[in-house]
Amino acid sequence: MMNAEQILAAARAHFDKLRGQQIEVPEWGLDGDNAARFDPPTLKIRQLIQQQAGKSNSRQMALTVIHTLRTADGKPMFQNDAPTLAAMETAMDPAVIARIAEKVLGVSSETALGN
C-alpha cells in the first residue's frame, strides 16, 4: 500500500504531465507554431477565477482564458486587467471564448454531450 508521501508524489507527477498543452485558435491567428499554450488551472487559480467572476459563468470563461493562456515562450498572453476583461466580455466571439475555456478546464460542451 502506498503512503501519503508516495501518493502526493504520484499526483504531482501526473499534474506535471498535463502542463504545456496547446490549443489552436485560428480565429485569432493562434495556430501551428503560434498555438496558445496552457497549464490546467490549479485549485488556487480556479478559486481566484471564481472570486473574480462571482456568479457569472461568462465572466468565469473570460477569466479562465486571461489567467491560463500563454505564448510559446511561456509568457501570459493577456493582461489581467479591466480593459482585457471588458474586451473579452463585449468585443470577442463568445463561442471562441467558451471553446478555449472548455478545453482548458477539461469540460465537454453541451453540443459534445448531445444536448
PDB file of N, CA and C in Angstrom:
ATOM      1  N   MET A   1       0.839  -1.173   0.000  1.00  0.00           N
ATOM      2  CA  MET A   1       0.000   0.000   0.000  1.00  0.00           C
ATOM      3  C   MET A   1       0.885   1.238   0.000  1.00  0.00           C
ATOM      4  N   MET A   2       0.502   2.239  -0.794  1.00  0.00           N
ATOM      5  CA  MET A   2       1.281   3.481  -0.886  1.00  0.00           C
ATOM      6  C   MET A   2       0.968   4.380   0.310  1.00  0.00           C
ATOM      7  N   ASN A   3       1.984   5.073   0.766  1.00  0.00           N
ATOM      8  CA  ASN A   3       1.761   6.028   1.848  1.00  0.00           C
ATOM      9  C   ASN A   3       1.418   7.402   1.251  1.00  0.00           C
ATOM     10  N   ALA A   4       1.069   8.336   2.101  1.00  0.00           N
ATOM     11  CA  ALA A   4       0.623   9.661   1.647  1.00  0.00           C
ATOM     12  C   ALA A   4       1.699  10.370   0.829  1.00  0.00           C
ATOM     13  N   GLU A   5       2.940  10.234   1.239  1.00  0.00           N
ATOM     14  CA  GLU A   5       4.031  10.893   0.512  1.00  0.00           C
ATOM     15  C   GLU A   5       4.164  10.344  -0.908  1.00  0.00           C
ATOM     16  N   GLN A   6       4.020   9.046  -1.070  1.00  0.00           N
ATOM     17  CA  GLN A   6       4.088   8.422  -2.397  1.00  0.00           C
ATOM     18  C   GLN A   6       2.906   8.843  -3.268  1.00  0.00           C
ATOM     19  N   ILE A   7       1.742   8.931  -2.657  1.00  0.00           N
ATOM     20  CA  ILE A   7       0.546   9.346  -3.398  1.00  0.00           C
ATOM     21  C   ILE A   7       0.703  10.789  -3.868  1.00  0.00           C
ATOM     22  N   LEU A   8       1.175  11.662  -2.982  1.00  0.00           N
ATOM     23  CA  LEU A   8       1.392  13.061  -3.360  1.00  0.00           C
ATOM     24  C   LEU A   8       2.412  13.168  -4.493  1.00  0.00           C
ATOM     25  N   ALA A   9       3.457  12.388  -4.435  1.00  0.00           N
ATOM     26  CA  ALA A   9       4.471  12.405  -5.496  1.00  0.00           C
ATOM     27  C   ALA A   9       3.865  11.948  -6.820  1.00  0.00           C
ATOM     28  N   ALA A  10       3.063  10.904  -6.778  1.00  0.00           N
ATOM     29  CA  ALA A  10       2.410  10.411  -7.993  1.00  0.00           C
ATOM     30  C   ALA A  10       1.425  11.447  -8.541  1.00  0.00           C
ATOM     31  N   ALA A  11       0.696  12.100  -7.650  1.00  0.00           N
ATOM     32  CA  ALA A  11      -0.276  13.121  -8.077  1.00  0.00           C
ATOM     33  C   ALA A  11       0.444  14.307  -8.709  1.00  0.00           C
ATOM     34  N   ARG A  12       1.548  14.728  -8.121  1.00  0.00           N
ATOM     35  CA  ARG A  12       2.326  15.837  -8.705  1.00  0.00           C
ATOM     36  C   ARG A  12       2.874  15.453 -10.084  1.00  0.00           C
ATOM     37  N   ALA A  13       3.375  14.247 -10.196  1.00  0.00           N
ATOM     38  CA  ALA A  13       3.919  13.784 -11.472  1.00  0.00           C
ATOM     39  C   ALA A  13       2.826  13.741 -12.535  1.00  0.00           C
ATOM     40  N   HIS A  14       1.641  13.309 -12.147  1.00  0.00           N
ATOM     41  CA  HIS A  14       0.512  13.283 -13.076  1.00  0.00           C
ATOM     42  C   HIS A  14       0.179  14.689 -13.552  1.00  0.00           C
ATOM     43  N   PHE A  15       0.112  15.649 -12.622  1.00  0.00           N
ATOM     44  CA  PHE A  15      -0.221  17.026 -12.996  1.00  0.00           C
ATOM     45  C   PHE A  15       0.862  17.628 -13.885  1.00  0.00           C
ATOM     46  N   ASP A  16       2.121  17.305 -13.601  1.00  0.00           N
ATOM     47  CA  ASP A  16       3.218  17.816 -14.427  1.00  0.00           C
ATOM     48  C   ASP A  16       3.079  17.361 -15.878  1.00  0.00           C
ATOM     49  N   LYS A  17       2.552  16.158 -16.090  1.00  0.00           N
ATOM     50  CA  LYS A  17       2.352  15.650 -17.452  1.00  0.00           C
ATOM     51  C   LYS A  17       1.258  16.422 -18.192  1.00  0.00           C
ATOM     52  N   LEU A  18       0.358  17.080 -17.458  1.00  0.00           N
ATOM     53  CA  LEU A  18      -0.735  17.834 -18.062  1.00  0.00           C
ATOM     54  C   LEU A  18      -0.319  19.250 -18.460  1.00  0.00           C
ATOM     55  N   ARG A  19       0.812  19.691 -17.980  1.00  0.00           N
ATOM     56  CA  ARG A  19       1.279  21.056 -18.264  1.00  0.00           C
ATOM     57  C   ARG A  19       1.702  21.199 -19.725  1.00  0.00           C
ATOM     58  N   GLY A  20       1.674  22.433 -20.211  1.00  0.00           N
ATOM     59  CA  GLY A  20       2.182  22.731 -21.549  1.00  0.00           C
ATOM     60  C   GLY A  20       1.314  22.259 -22.692  1.00  0.00           C
ATOM     61  N   GLN A  21       0.025  22.120 -22.447  1.00  0.00           N
ATOM     62  CA  GLN A  21      -0.870  21.724 -23.527  1.00  0.00           C
ATOM     63  C   GLN A  21      -1.017  22.877 -24.522  1.00  0.00           C
ATOM     64  N   GLN A  22      -1.440  22.540 -25.724  1.00  0.00           N
ATOM     65  CA  GLN A  22      -1.633  23.545 -26.767  1.00  0.00           C
ATOM     66  C   GLN A  22      -3.090  23.587 -27.190  1.00  0.00           C
ATOM     67  N   ILE A  23      -3.498  24.780 -27.617  1.00  0.00           N
ATOM     68  CA  ILE A  23      -4.810  24.928 -28.227  1.00  0.00           C
ATOM     69  C   ILE A  23      -4.677  25.882 -29.400  1.00  0.00           C
ATOM     70  N   GLU A  24      -5.212  25.467 -30.524  1.00  0.00           N
ATOM     71  CA  GLU A  24      -5.217  26.330 -31.702  1.00  0.00           C
ATOM     72  C   GLU A  24      -6.494  27.161 -31.704  1.00  0.00           C
ATOM     73  N   VAL A  25      -6.326  28.435 -31.978  1.00  0.00           N
ATOM     74  CA  VAL A  25      -7.450  29.361 -32.084  1.00  0.00           C
ATOM     75  C   VAL A  25      -7.250  30.105 -33.410  1.00  0.00           C
ATOM     76  N   PRO A  26      -7.619  29.461 -34.522  1.00  0.00           N
ATOM     77  CA  PRO A  26      -7.336  30.063 -35.833  1.00  0.00           C
ATOM     78  C   PRO A  26      -8.005  31.422 -36.023  1.00  0.00           C
ATOM     79  N   GLU A  27      -9.123  31.635 -35.358  1.00  0.00           N
ATOM     80  CA  GLU A  27      -9.815  32.924 -35.473  1.00  0.00           C
ATOM     81  C   GLU A  27      -8.943  34.074 -34.978  1.00  0.00           C
ATOM     82  N   TRP A  28      -8.014  33.782 -34.087  1.00  0.00           N
ATOM     83  CA  TRP A  28      -7.127  34.793 -33.515  1.00  0.00           C
ATOM     84  C   TRP A  28      -5.706  34.694 -34.080  1.00  0.00           C
ATOM     85  N   GLY A  29      -5.505  33.840 -35.092  1.00  0.00           N
ATOM     86  CA  GLY A  29      -4.171  33.649 -35.658  1.00  0.00           C
ATOM     87  C   GLY A  29      -3.262  32.794 -34.792  1.00  0.00           C
ATOM     88  N   LEU A  30      -3.856  32.036 -33.879  1.00  0.00           N
ATOM     89  CA  LEU A  30      -3.079  31.192 -32.968  1.00  0.00           C
ATOM     90  C   LEU A  30      -3.164  29.738 -33.421  1.00  0.00           C
ATOM     91  N   ASP A  31      -2.360  29.416 -34.420  1.00  0.00           N
ATOM     92  CA  ASP A  31      -2.336  28.040 -34.896  1.00  0.00           C
ATOM     93  C   ASP A  31      -0.918  27.669 -35.279  1.00  0.00           C
ATOM     94  N   GLY A  32      -0.709  26.386 -35.483  1.00  0.00           N
ATOM     95  CA  GLY A  32       0.635  25.908 -35.797  1.00  0.00           C
ATOM     96  C   GLY A  32       1.616  26.271 -34.701  1.00  0.00           C
ATOM     97  N   ASP A  33       2.745  26.856 -35.096  1.00  0.00           N
ATOM     98  CA  ASP A  33       3.766  27.255 -34.115  1.00  0.00           C
ATOM     99  C   ASP A  33       3.281  28.376 -33.203  1.00  0.00           C
ATOM    100  N   ASN A  34       2.253  29.090 -33.609  1.00  0.00           N
ATOM    101  CA  ASN A  34       1.708  30.195 -32.810  1.00  0.00           C
ATOM    102  C   ASN A  34       0.579  29.753 -31.886  1.00  0.00           C
ATOM    103  N   ALA A  35       0.311  28.465 -31.799  1.00  0.00           N
ATOM    104  CA  ALA A  35      -0.775  27.979 -30.946  1.00  0.00           C
ATOM    105  C   ALA A  35      -0.555  28.443 -29.510  1.00  0.00           C
ATOM    106  N   ALA A  36      -1.651  28.707 -28.826  1.00  0.00           N
ATOM    107  CA  ALA A  36      -1.574  29.105 -27.415  1.00  0.00           C
ATOM    108  C   ALA A  36      -1.199  27.896 -26.574  1.00  0.00           C
ATOM    109  N   ARG A  37      -0.554  28.158 -25.472  1.00  0.00           N
ATOM    110  CA  ARG A  37      -0.185  27.111 -24.519  1.00  0.00           C
ATOM    111  C   ARG A  37      -0.963  27.357 -23.230  1.00  0.00           C
ATOM    112  N   PHE A  38      -1.138  26.299 -22.464  1.00  0.00           N
ATOM    113  CA  PHE A  38      -1.772  26.451 -21.156  1.00  0.00           C
ATOM    114  C   PHE A  38      -1.437  25.278 -20.264  1.00  0.00           C
ATOM    115  N   ASP A  39      -1.480  25.553 -18.973  1.00  0.00           N
ATOM    116  CA  ASP A  39      -1.450  24.516 -17.953  1.00  0.00           C
ATOM    117  C   ASP A  39      -2.857  24.463 -17.372  1.00  0.00           C
ATOM    118  N   PRO A  40      -3.371  23.281 -17.082  1.00  0.00           N
ATOM    119  CA  PRO A  40      -4.683  23.250 -16.423  1.00  0.00           C
ATOM    120  C   PRO A  40      -4.615  24.074 -15.137  1.00  0.00           C
ATOM    121  N   PRO A  41      -5.637  24.844 -14.860  1.00  0.00           N
ATOM    122  CA  PRO A  41      -5.582  25.681 -13.656  1.00  0.00           C
ATOM    123  C   PRO A  41      -5.608  24.845 -12.386  1.00  0.00           C
ATOM    124  N   THR A  42      -4.776  25.233 -11.449  1.00  0.00           N
ATOM    125  CA  THR A  42      -4.775  24.590 -10.135  1.00  0.00           C
ATOM    126  C   THR A  42      -6.037  25.002  -9.386  1.00  0.00           C
ATOM    127  N   LEU A  43      -6.290  24.367  -8.270  1.00  0.00           N
ATOM    128  CA  LEU A  43      -7.433  24.765  -7.450  1.00  0.00           C
ATOM    129  C   LEU A  43      -7.297  26.212  -6.998  1.00  0.00           C
ATOM    130  N   LYS A  44      -6.067  26.638  -6.730  1.00  0.00           N
ATOM    131  CA  LYS A  44      -5.842  28.019  -6.307  1.00  0.00           C
ATOM    132  C   LYS A  44      -6.232  28.997  -7.422  1.00  0.00           C
ATOM    133  N   ILE A  45      -5.851  28.700  -8.654  1.00  0.00           N
ATOM    134  CA  ILE A  45      -6.211  29.563  -9.791  1.00  0.00           C
ATOM    135  C   ILE A  45      -7.721  29.514 -10.024  1.00  0.00           C
ATOM    136  N   ARG A  46      -8.312  28.339  -9.924  1.00  0.00           N
ATOM    137  CA  ARG A  46      -9.773  28.237 -10.087  1.00  0.00           C
ATOM    138  C   ARG A  46     -10.502  29.064  -9.040  1.00  0.00           C
ATOM    139  N   GLN A  47     -10.007  29.050  -7.810  1.00  0.00           N
ATOM    140  CA  GLN A  47     -10.627  29.839  -6.747  1.00  0.00           C
ATOM    141  C   GLN A  47     -10.513  31.329  -7.055  1.00  0.00           C
ATOM    142  N   LEU A  48      -9.358  31.761  -7.525  1.00  0.00           N
ATOM    143  CA  LEU A  48      -9.162  33.157  -7.898  1.00  0.00           C
ATOM    144  C   LEU A  48     -10.140  33.564  -9.003  1.00  0.00           C
ATOM    145  N   ILE A  49     -10.285  32.705 -10.006  1.00  0.00           N
ATOM    146  CA  ILE A  49     -11.214  32.979 -11.108  1.00  0.00           C
ATOM    147  C   ILE A  49     -12.634  33.086 -10.573  1.00  0.00           C
ATOM    148  N   GLN A  50     -13.033  32.149  -9.719  1.00  0.00           N
ATOM    149  CA  GLN A  50     -14.390  32.175  -9.161  1.00  0.00           C
ATOM    150  C   GLN A  50     -14.626  33.421  -8.323  1.00  0.00           C
ATOM    151  N   GLN A  51     -13.625  33.829  -7.547  1.00  0.00           N
ATOM    152  CA  GLN A  51     -13.774  35.036  -6.737  1.00  0.00           C
ATOM    153  C   GLN A  51     -13.940  36.267  -7.623  1.00  0.00           C
ATOM    154  N   GLN A  52     -13.168  36.352  -8.696  1.00  0.00           N
ATOM    155  CA  GLN A  52     -13.254  37.498  -9.585  1.00  0.00           C
ATOM    156  C   GLN A  52     -14.538  37.485 -10.413  1.00  0.00           C
ATOM    157  N   ALA A  53     -15.026  36.293 -10.755  1.00  0.00           N
ATOM    158  CA  ALA A  53     -16.189  36.177 -11.634  1.00  0.00           C
ATOM    159  C   ALA A  53     -17.507  36.278 -10.893  1.00  0.00           C
ATOM    160  N   GLY A  54     -17.514  35.999  -9.609  1.00  0.00           N
ATOM    161  CA  GLY A  54     -18.782  35.955  -8.899  1.00  0.00           C
ATOM    162  C   GLY A  54     -19.634  34.825  -9.462  1.00  0.00           C
ATOM    163  N   LYS A  55     -20.895  35.095  -9.707  1.00  0.00           N
ATOM    164  CA  LYS A  55     -21.801  34.059 -10.216  1.00  0.00           C
ATOM    165  C   LYS A  55     -21.922  34.051 -11.734  1.00  0.00           C
ATOM    166  N   SER A  56     -21.131  34.856 -12.409  1.00  0.00           N
ATOM    167  CA  SER A  56     -21.223  34.970 -13.865  1.00  0.00           C
ATOM    168  C   SER A  56     -20.410  33.883 -14.566  1.00  0.00           C
ATOM    169  N   ASN A  57     -21.105  32.972 -15.235  1.00  0.00           N
ATOM    170  CA  ASN A  57     -20.426  31.909 -15.983  1.00  0.00           C
ATOM    171  C   ASN A  57     -19.622  32.479 -17.146  1.00  0.00           C
ATOM    172  N   SER A  58     -20.162  33.490 -17.816  1.00  0.00           N
ATOM    173  CA  SER A  58     -19.441  34.058 -18.959  1.00  0.00           C
ATOM    174  C   SER A  58     -18.171  34.766 -18.503  1.00  0.00           C
ATOM    175  N   ARG A  59     -18.235  35.467 -17.387  1.00  0.00           N
ATOM    176  CA  ARG A  59     -17.038  36.116 -16.851  1.00  0.00           C
ATOM    177  C   ARG A  59     -16.021  35.065 -16.412  1.00  0.00           C
ATOM    178  N   GLN A  60     -16.493  33.958 -15.875  1.00  0.00           N
ATOM    179  CA  GLN A  60     -15.587  32.875 -15.474  1.00  0.00           C
ATOM    180  C   GLN A  60     -14.847  32.327 -16.694  1.00  0.00           C
ATOM    181  N   MET A  61     -15.540  32.174 -17.821  1.00  0.00           N
ATOM    182  CA  MET A  61     -14.882  31.697 -19.035  1.00  0.00           C
ATOM    183  C   MET A  61     -13.824  32.693 -19.500  1.00  0.00           C
ATOM    184  N   ALA A  62     -14.174  33.978 -19.509  1.00  0.00           N
ATOM    185  CA  ALA A  62     -13.220  35.008 -19.939  1.00  0.00           C
ATOM    186  C   ALA A  62     -11.998  35.023 -19.027  1.00  0.00           C
ATOM    187  N   LEU A  63     -12.220  34.958 -17.739  1.00  0.00           N
ATOM    188  CA  LEU A  63     -11.103  34.975 -16.787  1.00  0.00           C
ATOM    189  C   LEU A  63     -10.241  33.718 -16.896  1.00  0.00           C
ATOM    190  N   THR A  64     -10.849  32.597 -17.228  1.00  0.00           N
ATOM    191  CA  THR A  64     -10.077  31.374 -17.456  1.00  0.00           C
ATOM    192  C   THR A  64      -9.105  31.584 -18.608  1.00  0.00           C
ATOM    193  N   VAL A  65      -9.583  32.187 -19.681  1.00  0.00           N
ATOM    194  CA  VAL A  65      -8.718  32.475 -20.831  1.00  0.00           C
ATOM    195  C   VAL A  65      -7.607  33.441 -20.421  1.00  0.00           C
ATOM    196  N   ILE A  66      -7.962  34.498 -19.718  1.00  0.00           N
ATOM    197  CA  ILE A  66      -6.984  35.502 -19.299  1.00  0.00           C
ATOM    198  C   ILE A  66      -5.913  34.894 -18.394  1.00  0.00           C
ATOM    199  N   HIS A  67      -6.328  34.093 -17.432  1.00  0.00           N
ATOM    200  CA  HIS A  67      -5.398  33.551 -16.438  1.00  0.00           C
ATOM    201  C   HIS A  67      -4.549  32.392 -16.944  1.00  0.00           C
ATOM    202  N   THR A  68      -4.979  31.703 -17.988  1.00  0.00           N
ATOM    203  CA  THR A  68      -4.271  30.468 -18.341  1.00  0.00           C
ATOM    204  C   THR A  68      -3.530  30.481 -19.672  1.00  0.00           C
ATOM    205  N   LEU A  69      -3.973  31.256 -20.656  1.00  0.00           N
ATOM    206  CA  LEU A  69      -3.294  31.187 -21.955  1.00  0.00           C
ATOM    207  C   LEU A  69      -1.916  31.822 -21.891  1.00  0.00           C
ATOM    208  N   ARG A  70      -0.968  31.138 -22.525  1.00  0.00           N
ATOM    209  CA  ARG A  70       0.428  31.581 -22.560  1.00  0.00           C
ATOM    210  C   ARG A  70       0.925  31.554 -24.007  1.00  0.00           C
ATOM    211  N   THR A  71       1.961  32.335 -24.256  1.00  0.00           N
ATOM    212  CA  THR A  71       2.624  32.301 -25.555  1.00  0.00           C
ATOM    213  C   THR A  71       3.558  31.093 -25.589  1.00  0.00           C
ATOM    214  N   ALA A  72       4.157  30.848 -26.746  1.00  0.00           N
ATOM    215  CA  ALA A  72       5.071  29.709 -26.895  1.00  0.00           C
ATOM    216  C   ALA A  72       6.253  29.805 -25.931  1.00  0.00           C
ATOM    217  N   ASP A  73       6.648  31.032 -25.566  1.00  0.00           N
ATOM    218  CA  ASP A  73       7.770  31.184 -24.630  1.00  0.00           C
ATOM    219  C   ASP A  73       7.317  31.268 -23.175  1.00  0.00           C
ATOM    220  N   GLY A  74       6.036  30.951 -22.913  1.00  0.00           N
ATOM    221  CA  GLY A  74       5.539  30.832 -21.546  1.00  0.00           C
ATOM    222  C   GLY A  74       5.045  32.104 -20.894  1.00  0.00           C
ATOM    223  N   LYS A  75       5.020  33.197 -21.631  1.00  0.00           N
ATOM    224  CA  LYS A  75       4.545  34.461 -21.065  1.00  0.00           C
ATOM    225  C   LYS A  75       3.020  34.536 -21.147  1.00  0.00           C
ATOM    226  N   PRO A  76       2.383  35.216 -20.180  1.00  0.00           N
ATOM    227  CA  PRO A  76       0.925  35.373 -20.268  1.00  0.00           C
ATOM    228  C   PRO A  76       0.528  36.030 -21.582  1.00  0.00           C
ATOM    229  N   MET A  77      -0.502  35.496 -22.211  1.00  0.00           N
ATOM    230  CA  MET A  77      -0.960  36.039 -23.480  1.00  0.00           C
ATOM    231  C   MET A  77      -1.729  37.343 -23.278  1.00  0.00           C
ATOM    232  N   PHE A  78      -2.429  37.450 -22.154  1.00  0.00           N
ATOM    233  CA  PHE A  78      -3.267  38.613 -21.892  1.00  0.00           C
ATOM    234  C   PHE A  78      -2.922  39.243 -20.552  1.00  0.00           C
ATOM    235  N   GLN A  79      -3.139  40.541 -20.460  1.00  0.00           N
ATOM    236  CA  GLN A  79      -3.042  41.247 -19.192  1.00  0.00           C
ATOM    237  C   GLN A  79      -4.265  40.906 -18.360  1.00  0.00           C
ATOM    238  N   ASN A  80      -4.080  40.741 -17.068  1.00  0.00           N
ATOM    239  CA  ASN A  80      -5.202  40.517 -16.163  1.00  0.00           C
ATOM    240  C   ASN A  80      -5.649  41.890 -15.660  1.00  0.00           C
ATOM    241  N   ASP A  81      -6.407  42.591 -16.519  1.00  0.00           N
ATOM    242  CA  ASP A  81      -6.860  43.925 -16.162  1.00  0.00           C
ATOM    243  C   ASP A  81      -8.272  44.172 -16.700  1.00  0.00           C
ATOM    244  N   ALA A  82      -8.865  45.260 -16.265  1.00  0.00           N
ATOM    245  CA  ALA A  82     -10.245  45.577 -16.633  1.00  0.00           C
ATOM    246  C   ALA A  82     -10.438  45.749 -18.139  1.00  0.00           C
ATOM    247  N   PRO A  83      -9.540  46.443 -18.874  1.00  0.00           N
ATOM    248  CA  PRO A  83      -9.750  46.567 -20.321  1.00  0.00           C
ATOM    249  C   PRO A  83      -9.750  45.220 -21.053  1.00  0.00           C
ATOM    250  N   THR A  84      -8.870  44.314 -20.630  1.00  0.00           N
ATOM    251  CA  THR A  84      -8.835  42.993 -21.275  1.00  0.00           C
ATOM    252  C   THR A  84     -10.117  42.227 -20.981  1.00  0.00           C
ATOM    253  N   LEU A  85     -10.563  42.248 -19.739  1.00  0.00           N
ATOM    254  CA  LEU A  85     -11.808  41.568 -19.378  1.00  0.00           C
ATOM    255  C   LEU A  85     -12.982  42.177 -20.135  1.00  0.00           C
ATOM    256  N   ALA A  86     -13.038  43.494 -20.228  1.00  0.00           N
ATOM    257  CA  ALA A  86     -14.122  44.155 -20.962  1.00  0.00           C
ATOM    258  C   ALA A  86     -14.119  43.743 -22.431  1.00  0.00           C
ATOM    259  N   ALA A  87     -12.939  43.662 -23.037  1.00  0.00           N
ATOM    260  CA  ALA A  87     -12.850  43.229 -24.434  1.00  0.00           C
ATOM    261  C   ALA A  87     -13.355  41.798 -24.593  1.00  0.00           C
ATOM    262  N   MET A  88     -12.962  40.926 -23.673  1.00  0.00           N
ATOM    263  CA  MET A  88     -13.416  39.531 -23.735  1.00  0.00           C
ATOM    264  C   MET A  88     -14.931  39.446 -23.613  1.00  0.00           C
ATOM    265  N   GLU A  89     -15.492  40.269 -22.752  1.00  0.00           N
ATOM    266  CA  GLU A  89     -16.931  40.193 -22.481  1.00  0.00           C
ATOM    267  C   GLU A  89     -17.791  40.907 -23.522  1.00  0.00           C
ATOM    268  N   THR A  90     -17.217  41.883 -24.232  1.00  0.00           N
ATOM    269  CA  THR A  90     -18.075  42.688 -25.112  1.00  0.00           C
ATOM    270  C   THR A  90     -17.639  42.762 -26.567  1.00  0.00           C
ATOM    271  N   ALA A  91     -16.402  42.389 -26.874  1.00  0.00           N
ATOM    272  CA  ALA A  91     -15.920  42.609 -28.236  1.00  0.00           C
ATOM    273  C   ALA A  91     -15.291  41.378 -28.875  1.00  0.00           C
ATOM    274  N   MET A  92     -15.498  40.212 -28.277  1.00  0.00           N
ATOM    275  CA  MET A  92     -14.930  38.979 -28.822  1.00  0.00           C
ATOM    276  C   MET A  92     -16.027  37.925 -28.950  1.00  0.00           C
ATOM    277  N   ASP A  93     -15.842  37.015 -29.887  1.00  0.00           N
ATOM    278  CA  ASP A  93     -16.816  35.957 -30.145  1.00  0.00           C
ATOM    279  C   ASP A  93     -16.943  35.055 -28.909  1.00  0.00           C
ATOM    280  N   PRO A  94     -18.118  35.037 -28.280  1.00  0.00           N
ATOM    281  CA  PRO A  94     -18.280  34.224 -27.076  1.00  0.00           C
ATOM    282  C   PRO A  94     -18.115  32.728 -27.338  1.00  0.00           C
ATOM    283  N   ALA A  95     -18.397  32.282 -28.543  1.00  0.00           N
ATOM    284  CA  ALA A  95     -18.214  30.861 -28.849  1.00  0.00           C
ATOM    285  C   ALA A  95     -16.744  30.481 -28.810  1.00  0.00           C
ATOM    286  N   VAL A  96     -15.878  31.376 -29.245  1.00  0.00           N
ATOM    287  CA  VAL A  96     -14.429  31.109 -29.212  1.00  0.00           C
ATOM    288  C   VAL A  96     -13.945  31.100 -27.767  1.00  0.00           C
ATOM    289  N   ILE A  97     -14.380  32.097 -26.985  1.00  0.00           N
ATOM    290  CA  ILE A  97     -14.002  32.150 -25.562  1.00  0.00           C
ATOM    291  C   ILE A  97     -14.446  30.865 -24.864  1.00  0.00           C
ATOM    292  N   ALA A  98     -15.684  30.440 -25.114  1.00  0.00           N
ATOM    293  CA  ALA A  98     -16.218  29.228 -24.479  1.00  0.00           C
ATOM    294  C   ALA A  98     -15.429  27.996 -24.894  1.00  0.00           C
ATOM    295  N   ARG A  99     -15.078  27.904 -26.178  1.00  0.00           N
ATOM    296  CA  ARG A  99     -14.326  26.737 -26.663  1.00  0.00           C
ATOM    297  C   ARG A  99     -12.962  26.648 -25.972  1.00  0.00           C
ATOM    298  N   ILE A 100     -12.298  27.783 -25.816  1.00  0.00           N
ATOM    299  CA  ILE A 100     -10.997  27.787 -25.147  1.00  0.00           C
ATOM    300  C   ILE A 100     -11.159  27.395 -23.682  1.00  0.00           C
ATOM    301  N   ALA A 101     -12.114  28.021 -22.997  1.00  0.00           N
ATOM    302  CA  ALA A 101     -12.326  27.737 -21.569  1.00  0.00           C
ATOM    303  C   ALA A 101     -12.676  26.265 -21.347  1.00  0.00           C
ATOM    304  N   GLU A 102     -13.514  25.701 -22.204  1.00  0.00           N
ATOM    305  CA  GLU A 102     -13.880  24.295 -22.070  1.00  0.00           C
ATOM    306  C   GLU A 102     -12.660  23.394 -22.220  1.00  0.00           C
ATOM    307  N   LYS A 103     -11.796  23.715 -23.173  1.00  0.00           N
ATOM    308  CA  LYS A 103     -10.579  22.920 -23.378  1.00  0.00           C
ATOM    309  C   LYS A 103      -9.656  23.043 -22.163  1.00  0.00           C
ATOM    310  N   VAL A 104      -9.454  24.267 -21.697  1.00  0.00           N
ATOM    311  CA  VAL A 104      -8.558  24.490 -20.560  1.00  0.00           C
ATOM    312  C   VAL A 104      -9.070  23.789 -19.309  1.00  0.00           C
ATOM    313  N   LEU A 105     -10.373  23.872 -19.084  1.00  0.00           N
ATOM    314  CA  LEU A 105     -10.959  23.279 -17.882  1.00  0.00           C
ATOM    315  C   LEU A 105     -11.246  21.788 -18.019  1.00  0.00           C
ATOM    316  N   GLY A 106     -11.114  21.257 -19.247  1.00  0.00           N
ATOM    317  CA  GLY A 106     -11.347  19.840 -19.451  1.00  0.00           C
ATOM    318  C   GLY A 106     -12.789  19.431 -19.330  1.00  0.00           C
ATOM    319  N   VAL A 107     -13.697  20.331 -19.724  1.00  0.00           N
ATOM    320  CA  VAL A 107     -15.119  20.018 -19.680  1.00  0.00           C
ATOM    321  C   VAL A 107     -15.637  19.842 -21.094  1.00  0.00           C
ATOM    322  N   SER A 108     -16.753  19.165 -21.210  1.00  0.00           N
ATOM    323  CA  SER A 108     -17.377  18.949 -22.504  1.00  0.00           C
ATOM    324  C   SER A 108     -18.483  19.957 -22.717  1.00  0.00           C
ATOM    325  N   SER A 109     -18.580  20.448 -23.935  1.00  0.00           N
ATOM    326  CA  SER A 109     -19.647  21.384 -24.269  1.00  0.00           C
ATOM    327  C   SER A 109     -20.979  20.641 -24.313  1.00  0.00           C
ATOM    328  N   GLU A 110     -22.068  21.395 -24.244  1.00  0.00           N
ATOM    329  CA  GLU A 110     -23.394  20.764 -24.331  1.00  0.00           C
ATOM    330  C   GLU A 110     -23.552  20.057 -25.670  1.00  0.00           C
ATOM    331  N   THR A 111     -23.022  20.645 -26.733  1.00  0.00           N
ATOM    332  CA  THR A 111     -23.103  20.023 -28.068  1.00  0.00           C
ATOM    333  C   THR A 111     -22.397  18.674 -28.061  1.00  0.00           C
ATOM    334  N   ALA A 112     -21.185  18.647 -27.475  1.00  0.00           N
ATOM    335  CA  ALA A 112     -20.433  17.392 -27.427  1.00  0.00           C
ATOM    336  C   ALA A 112     -21.153  16.336 -26.594  1.00  0.00           C
ATOM    337  N   LEU A 113     -21.950  16.794 -25.628  1.00  0.00           N
ATOM    338  CA  LEU A 113     -22.710  15.862 -24.785  1.00  0.00           C
ATOM    339  C   LEU A 113     -24.030  15.430 -25.433  1.00  0.00           C
ATOM    340  N   GLY A 114     -24.332  16.010 -26.584  1.00  0.00           N
ATOM    341  CA  GLY A 114     -25.557  15.655 -27.282  1.00  0.00           C
ATOM    342  C   GLY A 114     -26.756  16.466 -26.836  1.00  0.00           C
ATOM    343  N   ASN A 115     -26.532  17.599 -26.198  1.00  0.00           N
ATOM    344  CA  ASN A 115     -27.642  18.455 -25.738  1.00  0.00           C
ATOM    345  C   ASN A 115     -27.904  19.571 -26.723  1.00  0.00           C
TER     346      ASN A 115
END
